[in-house]
Protein backbone atom coordinates (compact mmCIF):
# COMPACT_ATOMS: atom_id res chain seq x y z
CA MET A 1 23.96 3.54 4.11
CA GLU A 2 23.04 0.69 2.93
CA GLU A 3 21.70 -1.51 6.51
CA THR A 4 23.44 -5.50 7.04
CA LYS A 5 20.71 -7.15 6.79
CA CYS A 6 20.16 -10.42 8.36
CA LYS A 7 20.18 -13.75 6.59
CA CYS A 8 18.45 -15.63 9.25
CA PRO A 9 14.55 -17.46 8.85
CA HIS A 10 12.51 -15.23 11.03
CA CYS A 11 13.79 -11.94 9.66
CA GLU A 12 13.46 -13.36 5.77
CA ALA A 13 9.92 -13.80 6.68
CA ARG A 14 8.98 -11.44 8.42
CA GLU A 15 10.99 -8.60 5.48
CA ALA A 16 8.66 -10.70 3.00
CA GLU A 17 5.69 -10.41 5.47
CA GLU A 18 6.06 -6.36 5.41
CA GLU A 19 6.19 -6.87 1.69
CA GLN A 20 3.09 -8.82 0.56
CA ASN A 21 1.82 -6.14 3.46
CA GLU A 22 2.69 -3.51 1.60
CA GLU A 23 1.61 -4.72 -2.25
CA LEU A 24 -2.14 -5.16 -0.71
CA ASN A 25 -1.96 -1.52 0.66
CA PHE A 26 -0.91 -0.08 -2.32
CA ALA A 27 -3.84 -1.92 -4.15
CA VAL A 28 -6.05 -0.50 -1.49
CA LEU A 29 -4.91 2.55 -2.52
CA VAL A 30 -5.32 2.41 -5.59
CA ALA A 31 -8.31 0.67 -6.25
CA LEU A 32 -10.20 4.25 -3.58
CA VAL A 33 -8.95 6.59 -5.74
CA PRO A 34 -12.11 6.57 -8.25
CA VAL A 35 -14.31 6.00 -5.13
CA LEU A 36 -12.42 9.23 -4.07
CA THR A 37 -13.00 11.40 -7.20
CA ILE A 38 -16.13 11.03 -7.62
CA THR A 39 -17.70 11.63 -3.65
CA LEU A 40 -15.57 15.10 -4.61
CA PHE A 41 -16.85 15.09 -8.19
CA ASN A 42 -20.59 14.28 -6.42
CA THR A 43 -20.02 16.97 -3.39
CA VAL A 44 -18.79 19.72 -5.45
CA GLY A 45 -20.92 19.76 -7.78
CA LEU A 46 -19.67 19.66 -11.18
CA LEU A 47 -21.00 15.34 -11.77
């Protein structure tokens, strides 16, 4: 099922902002993966 998207300026601006926020959240998640991995290994005693 396809959703009908509104083409008004308000909806387009909100969609662009949501896309930007999603991109930023993904970048933060990717940046935290090494920190979490090192913390896990230190806790378990592998490093």
